[in-house]
C-alpha atoms as a PDB file:
ATOM      1  CA  MET A   1     195.286  58.802 280.880  1.00  0.00           C
ATOM      2  CA  VAL A   2     196.995  55.858 279.185  1.00  0.00           C
ATOM      3  CA  ARG A   3     195.046  52.595 279.424  1.00  0.00           C
ATOM      4  CA  LEU A   4     196.024  48.979 278.879  1.00  0.00           C
ATOM      5  CA  LYS A   5     193.911  49.127 275.732  1.00  0.00           C
ATOM      6  CA  ASP A   6     196.115  51.931 274.371  1.00  0.00           C
ATOM      7  CA  ILE A   7     199.293  49.938 274.975  1.00  0.00           C
ATOM      8  CA  ALA A   8     197.740  46.840 273.383  1.00  0.00           C
ATOM      9  CA  GLN A   9     196.760  48.779 270.243  1.00  0.00           C
ATOM     10  CA  GLN A  10     200.217  50.309 269.960  1.00  0.00           C
ATOM     11  CA  ALA A  11     201.929  46.922 270.406  1.00  0.00           C
ATOM     12  CA  GLY A  12     199.500  44.928 268.299  1.00  0.00           C
ATOM     13  CA  VAL A  13     198.643  42.449 271.051  1.00  0.00           C
ATOM     14  CA  SER A  14     195.631  41.721 273.205  1.00  0.00           C
ATOM     15  CA  VAL A  15     194.773  43.653 276.369  1.00  0.00           C
ATOM     16  CA  MET A  16     195.127  40.378 278.297  1.00  0.00           C
ATOM     17  CA  THR A  17     198.692  39.940 277.044  1.00  0.00           C
ATOM     18  CA  VAL A  18     199.600  43.458 278.187  1.00  0.00           C
ATOM     19  CA  SER A  19     197.984  42.861 281.573  1.00  0.00           C
ATOM     20  CA  LYS A  20     199.845  39.594 282.083  1.00  0.00           C
ATOM     21  CA  ALA A  21     203.149  41.087 280.945  1.00  0.00           C
ATOM     22  CA  LEU A  22     202.906  43.983 283.380  1.00  0.00           C
ATOM     23  CA  ARG A  23     202.027  41.548 286.183  1.00  0.00           C
ATOM     24  CA  ASP A  24     204.960  39.262 285.302  1.00  0.00           C
ATOM     25  CA  GLU A  25     202.709  36.282 284.617  1.00  0.00           C
ATOM     26  CA  PRO A  26     204.711  33.180 283.588  1.00  0.00           C
ATOM     27  CA  ASP A  27     202.803  32.435 280.369  1.00  0.00           C
ATOM     28  CA  VAL A  28     204.222  35.508 278.585  1.00  0.00           C
ATOM     29  CA  SER A  29     207.719  35.300 277.111  1.00  0.00           C
ATOM     30  CA  ALA A  30     210.521  37.343 278.654  1.00  0.00           C
ATOM     31  CA  ALA A  31     211.076  39.216 275.385  1.00  0.00           C
ATOM     32  CA  THR A  32     207.399  40.175 275.136  1.00  0.00           C
ATOM     33  CA  LYS A  33     207.339  41.297 278.774  1.00  0.00           C
ATOM     34  CA  ALA A  34     210.398  43.487 278.258  1.00  0.00           C
ATOM     35  CA  ARG A  35     208.951  45.042 275.084  1.00  0.00           C
ATOM     36  CA  LEU A  36     205.548  45.768 276.630  1.00  0.00           C
ATOM     37  CA  LYS A  37     207.012  47.137 279.879  1.00  0.00           C
ATOM     38  CA  ALA A  38     209.289  49.458 277.893  1.00  0.00           C
ATOM     39  CA  LEU A  39     206.345  50.620 275.799  1.00  0.00           C
ATOM     40  CA  ALA A  40     204.248  51.206 278.935  1.00  0.00           C
ATOM     41  CA  ARG A  41     207.004  53.373 280.440  1.00  0.00           C
ATOM     42  CA  GLN A  42     207.416  55.262 277.164  1.00  0.00           C
ATOM     43  CA  MET A  43     203.683  55.999 276.994  1.00  0.00           C
ATOM     44  CA  GLY A  44     203.578  57.078 280.653  1.00  0.00           C
ATOM     45  CA  TYR A  45     201.291  54.291 281.857  1.00  0.00           C
ATOM     46  CA  VAL A  46     200.429  54.350 285.594  1.00  0.00           C
ATOM     47  CA  PRO A  47     198.659  51.286 287.026  1.00  0.00           C
ATOM     48  CA  ASP A  48     195.153  51.824 288.399  1.00  0.00           C
ATOM     49  CA  THR A  49     195.682  50.699 291.986  1.00  0.00           C
ATOM     50  CA  THR A  50     191.991  51.077 292.782  1.00  0.00           C
ATOM     51  CA  ALA A  51     191.107  48.507 290.162  1.00  0.00           C
ATOM     52  CA  GLN A  52     193.866  46.217 291.411  1.00  0.00           C
ATOM     53  CA  CYS A  53     192.531  46.498 294.960  1.00  0.00           C
ATOM     54  CA  LEU A  54     189.028  45.568 293.832  1.00  0.00           C
ATOM     55  CA  ARG A  55     190.411  42.545 292.040  1.00  0.00           C
ATOM     56  CA  THR A  56     192.776  41.292 294.773  1.00  0.00           C
ATOM     57  CA  ARG A  57     190.951  42.699 297.826  1.00  0.00           C
ATOM     58  CA  LYS A  58     194.370  43.962 298.972  1.00  0.00           C
ATOM     59  CA  THR A  59     195.309  47.643 299.097  1.00  0.00           C
ATOM     60  CA  LYS A  60     199.067  47.126 299.592  1.00  0.00           C
ATOM     61  CA  LEU A  61     198.810  49.763 302.319  1.00  0.00           C
ATOM     62  CA  PHE A  62     200.015  49.594 305.904  1.00  0.00           C
ATOM     63  CA  GLY A  63     198.876  52.005 308.605  1.00  0.00           C
ATOM     64  CA  LEU A  64     201.423  53.243 311.145  1.00  0.00           C
ATOM     65  CA  VAL A  65     200.219  55.012 314.297  1.00  0.00           C
ATOM     66  CA  ILE A  66     202.800  56.600 316.610  1.00  0.00           C
ATOM     67  CA  PRO A  67     202.689  59.382 319.236  1.00  0.00           C
ATOM     68  CA  THR A  68     204.652  61.910 317.156  1.00  0.00           C
ATOM     69  CA  SER A  69     207.419  62.036 314.580  1.00  0.00           C
ATOM     70  CA  THR A  70     209.285  64.572 316.728  1.00  0.00           C
ATOM     71  CA  ASN A  71     210.104  61.808 319.215  1.00  0.00           C
ATOM     72  CA  PRO A  72     213.561  60.749 317.972  1.00  0.00           C
ATOM     73  CA  VAL A  73     213.079  57.153 319.134  1.00  0.00           C
ATOM     74  CA  PHE A  74     210.476  56.643 316.421  1.00  0.00           C
ATOM     75  CA  ALA A  75     212.554  58.085 313.582  1.00  0.00           C
ATOM     76  CA  ARG A  76     214.586  54.906 313.056  1.00  0.00           C
ATOM     77  CA  ILE A  77     211.608  52.625 313.675  1.00  0.00           C
ATOM     78  CA  VAL A  78     209.530  54.425 311.040  1.00  0.00           C
ATOM     79  CA  PHE A  79     212.475  54.420 308.642  1.00  0.00           C
ATOM     80  CA  ALA A  80     212.925  50.653 309.021  1.00  0.00           C
ATOM     81  CA  ILE A  81     209.222  49.902 308.555  1.00  0.00           C
ATOM     82  CA  GLU A  82     208.962  52.165 305.518  1.00  0.00           C
ATOM     83  CA  GLU A  83     212.082  50.717 303.885  1.00  0.00           C
ATOM     84  CA  ARG A  84     211.000  47.099 304.330  1.00  0.00           C
ATOM     85  CA  ALA A  85     207.428  47.865 303.299  1.00  0.00           C
ATOM     86  CA  HIS A  86     208.741  49.572 300.149  1.00  0.00           C
ATOM     87  CA  GLU A  87     210.780  46.485 299.290  1.00  0.00           C
ATOM     88  CA  LEU A  88     207.609  44.410 299.630  1.00  0.00           C
ATOM     89  CA  GLY A  89     205.559  46.737 297.441  1.00  0.00           C
ATOM     90  CA  TYR A  90     203.577  48.351 300.256  1.00  0.00           C
ATOM     91  CA  ASP A  91     202.957  52.023 300.916  1.00  0.00           C
ATOM     92  CA  LEU A  92     202.753  53.458 304.421  1.00  0.00           C
ATOM     93  CA  LEU A  93     200.088  55.780 305.830  1.00  0.00           C
ATOM     94  CA  LEU A  94     201.336  57.607 308.934  1.00  0.00           C
ATOM     95  CA  ALA A  95     199.193  59.041 311.728  1.00  0.00           C
ATOM     96  CA  HIS A  96     200.055  60.731 315.046  1.00  0.00           C
ATOM     97  CA  THR A  97     198.146  60.309 318.312  1.00  0.00           C
ATOM     98  CA  HIS A  98     200.012  62.883 320.464  1.00  0.00           C
ATOM     99  CA  ASN A  99     199.356  60.350 323.261  1.00  0.00           C
ATOM    100  CA  MET A 100     195.635  61.169 323.255  1.00  0.00           C
ATOM    101  CA  PRO A 101     193.240  58.151 323.395  1.00  0.00           C
ATOM    102  CA  GLN A 102     190.479  59.912 321.450  1.00  0.00           C
ATOM    103  CA  ARG A 103     192.876  60.927 318.698  1.00  0.00           C
ATOM    104  CA  GLU A 104     194.270  57.394 318.600  1.00  0.00           C
ATOM    105  CA  GLU A 105     190.773  56.025 317.990  1.00  0.00           C
ATOM    106  CA  HIS A 106     190.188  58.620 315.283  1.00  0.00           C
ATOM    107  CA  CYS A 107     193.500  57.774 313.581  1.00  0.00           C
ATOM    108  CA  VAL A 108     192.795  54.050 313.605  1.00  0.00           C
ATOM    109  CA  ARG A 109     189.305  54.520 312.162  1.00  0.00           C
ATOM    110  CA  ARG A 110     190.609  56.717 309.350  1.00  0.00           C
ATOM    111  CA  LEU A 111     193.208  54.111 308.443  1.00  0.00           C
ATOM    112  CA  LEU A 112     190.615  51.332 308.550  1.00  0.00           C
ATOM    113  CA  SER A 113     188.446  53.392 306.199  1.00  0.00           C
ATOM    114  CA  ARG A 114     191.373  53.312 303.754  1.00  0.00           C
ATOM    115  CA  ARG A 115     191.222  49.495 303.941  1.00  0.00           C
ATOM    116  CA  VAL A 116     194.828  49.096 305.084  1.00  0.00           C
ATOM    117  CA  ASP A 117     196.073  45.510 305.009  1.00  0.00           C
ATOM    118  CA  GLY A 118     197.570  45.835 308.499  1.00  0.00           C
ATOM    119  CA  LEU A 119     198.301  48.273 311.323  1.00  0.00           C
ATOM    120  CA  PHE A 120     201.483  49.027 313.265  1.00  0.00           C
ATOM    121  CA  LEU A 121     200.498  50.674 316.558  1.00  0.00           C
ATOM    122  CA  SER A 122     202.428  52.349 319.325  1.00  0.00           C
ATOM    123  CA  PRO A 123     199.600  52.292 321.888  1.00  0.00           C
ATOM    124  CA  VAL A 124     198.417  55.278 323.852  1.00  0.00           C
ATOM    125  CA  TYR A 125     198.808  53.651 327.245  1.00  0.00           C
ATOM    126  CA  ARG A 126     196.081  54.022 329.845  1.00  0.00           C
ATOM    127  CA  PHE A 127     195.206  52.348 333.140  1.00  0.00           C
ATOM    128  CA  GLU A 128     191.873  50.965 331.883  1.00  0.00           C
ATOM    129  CA  THR A 129     191.828  47.238 331.186  1.00  0.00           C
ATOM    130  CA  GLU A 130     189.735  47.699 328.037  1.00  0.00           C
ATOM    131  CA  ALA A 131     189.757  50.150 325.134  1.00  0.00           C
ATOM    132  CA  ARG A 132     186.931  50.176 322.614  1.00  0.00           C
ATOM    133  CA  ILE A 133     189.032  50.638 319.487  1.00  0.00           C
ATOM    134  CA  TYR A 134     191.269  47.693 320.379  1.00  0.00           C
ATOM    135  CA  GLN A 135     188.241  45.498 321.007  1.00  0.00           C
ATOM    136  CA  GLU A 136     186.952  46.471 317.570  1.00  0.00           C
ATOM    137  CA  LEU A 137     190.275  45.648 315.943  1.00  0.00           C
ATOM    138  CA  LEU A 138     190.173  42.257 317.602  1.00  0.00           C
ATOM    139  CA  ALA A 139     186.594  41.636 316.438  1.00  0.00           C
ATOM    140  CA  ARG A 140     187.493  42.673 312.868  1.00  0.00           C
ATOM    141  CA  ARG A 141     190.562  40.416 312.950  1.00  0.00           C
ATOM    142  CA  THR A 142     192.666  43.266 311.634  1.00  0.00           C
ATOM    143  CA  PRO A 143     196.356  42.297 311.484  1.00  0.00           C
ATOM    144  CA  VAL A 144     197.974  44.441 314.189  1.00  0.00           C
ATOM    145  CA  VAL A 145     201.561  44.584 315.451  1.00  0.00           C
ATOM    146  CA  LEU A 146     202.290  46.610 318.576  1.00  0.00           C
ATOM    147  CA  LEU A 147     205.475  48.668 318.738  1.00  0.00           C
ATOM    148  CA  GLY A 148     206.265  48.229 322.417  1.00  0.00           C
ATOM    149  CA  PRO A 149     205.020  46.083 325.281  1.00  0.00           C
ATOM    150  CA  PRO A 150     201.314  45.224 325.499  1.00  0.00           C
ATOM    151  CA  ALA A 151     199.135  46.530 328.329  1.00  0.00           C
ATOM    152  CA  PRO A 152     195.946  44.822 329.604  1.00  0.00           C
ATOM    153  CA  PHE A 153     193.752  46.662 327.067  1.00  0.00           C
ATOM    154  CA  CYS A 154     195.860  45.431 324.110  1.00  0.00           C
ATOM    155  CA  LYS A 155     197.298  42.167 325.429  1.00  0.00           C
ATOM    156  CA  SER A 156     195.707  40.065 322.673  1.00  0.00           C
ATOM    157  CA  PHE A 157     197.893  41.557 319.949  1.00  0.00           C
ATOM    158  CA  VAL A 158     201.362  40.578 318.776  1.00  0.00           C
ATOM    159  CA  ALA A 159     204.098  42.874 320.095  1.00  0.00           C
ATOM    160  CA  VAL A 160     207.717  43.594 319.267  1.00  0.00           C
ATOM    161  CA  GLU A 161     209.643  45.156 322.130  1.00  0.00           C
ATOM    162  CA  ILE A 162     213.021  45.383 323.809  1.00  0.00           C
ATOM    163  CA  GLU A 163     214.158  43.947 327.126  1.00  0.00           C
ATOM    164  CA  GLU A 164     213.427  47.143 329.033  1.00  0.00           C
ATOM    165  CA  ALA A 165     214.056  45.851 332.565  1.00  0.00           C
ATOM    166  CA  LEU A 166     217.355  44.148 331.732  1.00  0.00           C
ATOM    167  CA  ALA A 167     218.650  47.185 329.886  1.00  0.00           C
ATOM    168  CA  SER A 168     217.701  49.569 332.698  1.00  0.00           C
ATOM    169  CA  ARG A 169     219.243  47.197 335.241  1.00  0.00           C
ATOM    170  CA  ALA A 170     222.511  47.367 333.282  1.00  0.00           C
ATOM    171  CA  VAL A 171     222.547  51.175 333.591  1.00  0.00           C
ATOM    172  CA  THR A 172     222.059  51.017 337.371  1.00  0.00           C
ATOM    173  CA  GLN A 173     224.704  48.300 337.694  1.00  0.00           C
ATOM    174  CA  HIS A 174     227.118  50.505 335.754  1.00  0.00           C
ATOM    175  CA  LEU A 175     226.549  53.371 338.208  1.00  0.00           C
ATOM    176  CA  LEU A 176     226.900  51.016 341.184  1.00  0.00           C
ATOM    177  CA  LYS A 177     230.209  49.675 339.857  1.00  0.00           C
ATOM    178  CA  LEU A 178     231.484  53.239 339.639  1.00  0.00           C
ATOM    179  CA  GLY A 179     230.815  53.527 343.376  1.00  0.00           C
ATOM    180  CA  HIS A 180     227.460  55.351 343.459  1.00  0.00           C
ATOM    181  CA  ARG A 181     225.067  54.426 346.257  1.00  0.00           C
ATOM    182  CA  ARG A 182     222.613  57.314 346.086  1.00  0.00           C
ATOM    183  CA  ILE A 183     221.218  57.090 342.568  1.00  0.00           C
ATOM    184  CA  ALA A 184     218.189  59.248 341.810  1.00  0.00           C
ATOM    185  CA  TYR A 185     215.695  57.921 339.284  1.00  0.00           C
ATOM    186  CA  LEU A 186     213.477  59.990 336.961  1.00  0.00           C
ATOM    187  CA  THR A 187     210.384  57.927 336.158  1.00  0.00           C
ATOM    188  CA  GLY A 188     208.249  58.040 333.014  1.00  0.00           C
ATOM    189  CA  PRO A 189     204.480  57.929 332.368  1.00  0.00           C
ATOM    190  CA  PRO A 190     202.895  55.758 335.110  1.00  0.00           C
ATOM    191  CA  ALA A 191     200.547  53.968 332.697  1.00  0.00           C
ATOM    192  CA  ALA A 192     203.287  52.946 330.241  1.00  0.00           C
ATOM    193  CA  PRO A 193     204.542  49.356 330.708  1.00  0.00           C
ATOM    194  CA  TRP A 194     207.950  50.222 329.257  1.00  0.00           C
ATOM    195  CA  ALA A 195     208.408  52.978 331.873  1.00  0.00           C
ATOM    196  CA  ARG A 196     207.418  50.622 334.686  1.00  0.00           C
ATOM    197  CA  GLU A 197     209.786  47.946 333.404  1.00  0.00           C
ATOM    198  CA  ARG A 198     212.688  50.385 333.285  1.00  0.00           C
ATOM    199  CA  PHE A 199     211.969  51.441 336.868  1.00  0.00           C
ATOM    200  CA  GLU A 200     211.822  47.776 337.871  1.00  0.00           C
ATOM    201  CA  GLY A 201     215.269  47.245 336.330  1.00  0.00           C
ATOM    202  CA  TYR A 202     216.617  50.060 338.501  1.00  0.00           C
ATOM    203  CA  ARG A 203     214.994  48.589 341.610  1.00  0.00           C
ATOM    204  CA  ARG A 204     216.254  45.097 340.815  1.00  0.00           C
ATOM    205  CA  ALA A 205     219.853  46.258 340.471  1.00  0.00           C
ATOM    206  CA  LEU A 206     219.672  48.069 343.821  1.00  0.00           C
ATOM    207  CA  ARG A 207     218.209  45.014 345.564  1.00  0.00           C
ATOM    208  CA  GLU A 208     220.904  42.784 344.087  1.00  0.00           C
ATOM    209  CA  ALA A 209     223.495  45.193 345.487  1.00  0.00           C
ATOM    210  CA  GLY A 210     221.903  44.962 348.932  1.00  0.00           C
ATOM    211  CA  LEU A 211     220.421  48.467 348.781  1.00  0.00           C
ATOM    212  CA  ASP A 212     216.864  49.552 349.505  1.00  0.00           C
ATOM    213  CA  VAL A 213     214.974  51.802 347.119  1.00  0.00           C
ATOM    214  CA  ASP A 214     214.848  55.222 348.764  1.00  0.00           C
ATOM    215  CA  ASP A 215     211.589  56.928 347.794  1.00  0.00           C
ATOM    216  CA  ARG A 216     213.273  60.292 348.334  1.00  0.00           C
ATOM    217  CA  LEU A 217     215.462  59.485 345.318  1.00  0.00           C
ATOM    218  CA  VAL A 218     212.558  58.702 342.974  1.00  0.00           C
ATOM    219  CA  PHE A 219     211.139  61.648 341.058  1.00  0.00           C
ATOM    220  CA  GLN A 220     208.097  61.651 338.809  1.00  0.00           C
ATOM    221  CA  ALA A 221     209.394  63.177 335.606  1.00  0.00           C
ATOM    222  CA  GLY A 222     208.186  62.307 332.115  1.00  0.00           C
ATOM    223  CA  ILE A 223     209.689  61.883 328.673  1.00  0.00           C
ATOM    224  CA  THR A 224     210.607  65.367 327.453  1.00  0.00           C
ATOM    225  CA  ILE A 225     213.559  67.703 327.947  1.00  0.00           C
ATOM    226  CA  GLU A 226     211.270  70.043 329.880  1.00  0.00           C
ATOM    227  CA  ASP A 227     210.221  67.188 332.174  1.00  0.00           C
ATOM    228  CA  GLY A 228     213.859  66.388 332.926  1.00  0.00           C
ATOM    229  CA  ALA A 229     214.639  70.040 333.658  1.00  0.00           C
ATOM    230  CA  LYS A 230     211.791  70.279 336.174  1.00  0.00           C
ATOM    231  CA  ALA A 231     212.907  67.068 337.870  1.00  0.00           C
ATOM    232  CA  ALA A 232     216.469  68.398 338.145  1.00  0.00           C
ATOM    233  CA  LEU A 233     215.220  71.511 339.962  1.00  0.00           C
ATOM    234  CA  GLN A 234     213.271  69.285 342.323  1.00  0.00           C
ATOM    235  CA  ILE A 235     216.396  67.216 343.015  1.00  0.00           C
ATOM    236  CA  LEU A 236     218.331  70.389 343.840  1.00  0.00           C
ATOM    237  CA  ASN A 237     215.560  71.911 345.961  1.00  0.00           C
ATOM    238  CA  GLU A 238     215.069  68.757 348.028  1.00  0.00           C
ATOM    239  CA  SER A 239     218.808  68.304 348.643  1.00  0.00           C
ATOM    240  CA  CYS A 240     218.556  64.520 348.329  1.00  0.00           C
ATOM    241  CA  SER A 241     222.352  64.149 348.097  1.00  0.00           C
ATOM    242  CA  ALA A 242     222.193  62.067 344.935  1.00  0.00           C
ATOM    243  CA  THR A 243     225.579  61.455 343.328  1.00  0.00           C
ATOM    244  CA  ALA A 244     224.038  60.079 340.121  1.00  0.00           C
ATOM    245  CA  VAL A 245     220.802  60.464 338.166  1.00  0.00           C
ATOM    246  CA  GLN A 246     219.296  57.770 335.974  1.00  0.00           C
ATOM    247  CA  ALA A 247     216.484  58.902 333.693  1.00  0.00           C
ATOM    248  CA  VAL A 248     213.762  56.895 331.982  1.00  0.00           C
ATOM    249  CA  ASN A 249     214.854  58.201 328.581  1.00  0.00           C
ATOM    250  CA  ASP A 250     217.509  60.360 326.940  1.00  0.00           C
ATOM    251  CA  LEU A 251     215.396  63.486 326.556  1.00  0.00           C
ATOM    252  CA  ALA A 252     214.616  63.612 330.280  1.00  0.00           C
ATOM    253  CA  ALA A 253     218.291  62.918 331.002  1.00  0.00           C
ATOM    254  CA  VAL A 254     219.417  65.774 328.736  1.00  0.00           C
ATOM    255  CA  GLY A 255     216.913  68.165 330.319  1.00  0.00           C
ATOM    256  CA  CYS A 256     218.155  67.188 333.757  1.00  0.00           C
ATOM    257  CA  ALA A 257     221.830  67.450 332.802  1.00  0.00           C
ATOM    258  CA  ARG A 258     221.384  70.829 331.120  1.00  0.00           C
ATOM    259  CA  THR A 259     219.739  72.240 334.248  1.00  0.00           C
ATOM    260  CA  LEU A 260     222.428  70.826 336.552  1.00  0.00           C
ATOM    261  CA  LEU A 261     225.127  72.363 334.371  1.00  0.00           C
ATOM    262  CA  ALA A 262     223.297  75.707 334.409  1.00  0.00           C
ATOM    263  CA  GLN A 263     223.348  75.578 338.217  1.00  0.00           C
ATOM    264  CA  GLY A 264     227.144  75.302 338.184  1.00  0.00           C
ATOM    265  CA  LEU A 265     227.456  71.560 338.772  1.00  0.00           C
ATOM    266  CA  LYS A 266     229.994  69.492 336.843  1.00  0.00           C
ATOM    267  CA  ILE A 267     229.051  66.301 335.015  1.00  0.00           C
ATOM    268  CA  PRO A 268     230.311  63.793 335.968  1.00  0.00           C
ATOM    269  CA  GLY A 269     232.550  65.532 338.532  1.00  0.00           C
ATOM    270  CA  ASP A 270     229.704  66.494 340.878  1.00  0.00           C
ATOM    271  CA  VAL A 271     226.959  64.222 339.591  1.00  0.00           C
ATOM    272  CA  SER A 272     226.713  61.484 336.956  1.00  0.00           C
ATOM    273  CA  VAL A 273     223.772  61.363 334.551  1.00  0.00           C
ATOM    274  CA  ALA A 274     222.564  58.417 332.457  1.00  0.00           C
ATOM    275  CA  GLY A 275     219.680  58.046 330.020  1.00  0.00           C
ATOM    276  CA  PHE A 276     217.971  55.407 327.910  1.00  0.00           C
ATOM    277  CA  GLY A 277     217.451  55.166 324.146  1.00  0.00           C
ATOM    278  CA  ASN A 278     220.649  56.445 322.487  1.00  0.00           C
ATOM    279  CA  VAL A 279     218.936  59.128 320.420  1.00  0.00           C
ATOM    280  CA  LEU A 280     221.261  61.305 318.327  1.00  0.00           C
ATOM    281  CA  LEU A 281     221.146  64.125 320.886  1.00  0.00           C
ATOM    282  CA  ALA A 282     222.597  61.824 323.558  1.00  0.00           C
ATOM    283  CA  GLU A 283     225.849  61.382 321.669  1.00  0.00           C
ATOM    284  CA  HIS A 284     226.157  65.038 320.702  1.00  0.00           C
ATOM    285  CA  PHE A 285     225.115  66.652 323.986  1.00  0.00           C
ATOM    286  CA  SER A 286     227.743  68.923 325.562  1.00  0.00           C
ATOM    287  CA  VAL A 287     228.624  66.020 327.851  1.00  0.00           C
ATOM    288  CA  PRO A 288     228.027  62.883 325.749  1.00  0.00           C
ATOM    289  CA  LEU A 289     225.466  60.781 327.555  1.00  0.00           C
ATOM    290  CA  THR A 290     225.850  57.270 328.935  1.00  0.00           C
ATOM    291  CA  THR A 291     222.734  55.465 327.802  1.00  0.00           C
ATOM    292  CA  VAL A 292     221.177  52.301 326.406  1.00  0.00           C
ATOM    293  CA  ARG A 293     221.334  51.687 322.670  1.00  0.00           C
ATOM    294  CA  GLN A 294     217.848  50.576 321.644  1.00  0.00           C
ATOM    295  CA  PRO A 295     217.747  48.398 318.506  1.00  0.00           C
ATOM    296  CA  LYS A 296     215.261  50.750 316.863  1.00  0.00           C
ATOM    297  CA  PHE A 297     215.946  49.733 313.262  1.00  0.00           C
ATOM    298  CA  ARG A 298     215.864  46.022 314.123  1.00  0.00           C
ATOM    299  CA  LEU A 299     212.605  46.566 315.985  1.00  0.00           C
ATOM    300  CA  GLY A 300     211.041  48.096 312.879  1.00  0.00           C
ATOM    301  CA  LEU A 301     212.202  45.197 310.712  1.00  0.00           C
ATOM    302  CA  ALA A 302     210.925  42.668 313.252  1.00  0.00           C
ATOM    303  CA  ALA A 303     207.555  44.406 313.239  1.00  0.00           C
ATOM    304  CA  VAL A 304     207.243  44.007 309.467  1.00  0.00           C
ATOM    305  CA  GLU A 305     208.243  40.343 309.605  1.00  0.00           C
ATOM    306  CA  ALA A 306     205.593  39.756 312.280  1.00  0.00           C
ATOM    307  CA  MET A 307     203.043  41.527 310.070  1.00  0.00           C
ATOM    308  CA  LEU A 308     203.905  39.294 307.112  1.00  0.00           C
ATOM    309  CA  GLN A 309     203.248  36.234 309.250  1.00  0.00           C
ATOM    310  CA  LEU A 310     199.876  37.627 310.288  1.00  0.00           C
ATOM    311  CA  LEU A 311     198.987  38.283 306.654  1.00  0.00           C
ATOM    312  CA  ARG A 312     199.818  34.654 305.905  1.00  0.00           C
ATOM    313  CA  GLY A 313     197.388  33.568 308.598  1.00  0.00           C
ATOM    314  CA  GLN A 314     200.113  32.610 311.072  1.00  0.00           C
ATOM    315  CA  ARG A 315     200.454  33.705 314.687  1.00  0.00           C
ATOM    316  CA  PRO A 316     203.990  35.024 315.277  1.00  0.00           C
ATOM    317  CA  GLU A 317     205.540  34.896 318.704  1.00  0.00           C
ATOM    318  CA  ALA A 318     206.163  38.122 320.575  1.00  0.00           C
ATOM    319  CA  LYS A 319     209.603  39.477 319.694  1.00  0.00           C
ATOM    320  CA  LEU A 320     211.883  40.589 322.524  1.00  0.00           C
ATOM    321  CA  LEU A 321     215.075  42.343 321.420  1.00  0.00           C
ATOM    322  CA  SER A 322     218.116  42.929 323.587  1.00  0.00           C
ATOM    323  CA  ALA A 323     219.694  46.355 324.095  1.00  0.00           C
ATOM    324  CA  GLU A 324     223.205  47.328 325.117  1.00  0.00           C
ATOM    325  CA  LEU A 325     224.803  49.827 327.471  1.00  0.00           C
ATOM    326  CA  VAL A 326     226.803  52.658 325.876  1.00  0.00           C
ATOM    327  CA  GLU A 327     229.286  54.239 328.276  1.00  0.00           C
ATOM    328  CA  ARG A 328     230.156  57.875 327.570  1.00  0.00           C
ATOM    329  CA  GLN A 329     231.541  60.873 329.464  1.00  0.00           C
ATOM    330  CA  SER A 330     228.455  61.715 331.533  1.00  0.00           C
ATOM    331  CA  THR A 331     229.144  59.030 334.163  1.00  0.00           C
ATOM    332  CA  GLY A 332     232.123  58.605 336.447  1.00  0.00           C
ATOM    333  CA  PRO A 333     233.026  57.784 340.073  1.00  0.00           C
ATOM    334  CA  PRO A 334     231.296  59.817 342.798  1.00  0.00           C
ATOM    335  CA  LYS A 335     233.035  62.855 344.207  1.00  0.00           C
ATOM    336  CA  SER A 336     235.217  61.818 347.107  1.00  0.00           C
END
């Protein structure tokens, strides 16, 4: 392994001069820096990050904890965080919780054992008002940025999120303007604040249109394609006479739409379907899906900027990003 001492001997300078040159210290001339950096590359020198960490007490590592990489919503968020972190000289350690509280705690502890400088967390939402691992993070004063709205157990941490209720309200208003009055809604995980906010947006739009929320049109679904398919069968079996379906996310909407199509219904001729998230599948589904375009990349960038403020000892404000409706072929006027 090539050491600073080896480079210094080869160049005929002191080890301190080599160290300063490779760290871009100002008291070394530009010509000397260029010569020593070129020599270091030629000799195959790789910095000892462990030694640097001991000296600076910074690992230049971020931890990122999400439910799963297979959830397409997180693909762009992770990409944005990784890209910005790379620009800043940080590496990213990724862990998956699979929405299991015990695994979340295990993931966080493993990342803390690696002495990460900060954590980006998509919480595993639960109904409890306290969660031990979040209390520990608070006591340790670990810089934490939440990816999504805070719940009671994690309310003390900085969050970056989108305007869930407003965006969902826009979807319902779109269906109402098309003439729909019986709009079924596929809800998400009951403990997740973002799912509750999206349902509230649906309810708000109905109230503003002078309509009551009909419980017979609300179906407990989930967030996967399979969840949406099961909800669609329930809609058909209960004959609720819905002319449109609004789902909590795109995957549930696609699962619902695929099942309705398999049962011989036309979309949007017989029933309109709308989702939330604008994942790639939504645009390329057999009937391109009306949905909400989440600013996933911007959310990732905002999370990193919030983290940088925390690392500087500042308290950033919660970031709330707007989303926009994307109208596609899956929604149209109700069948006359």
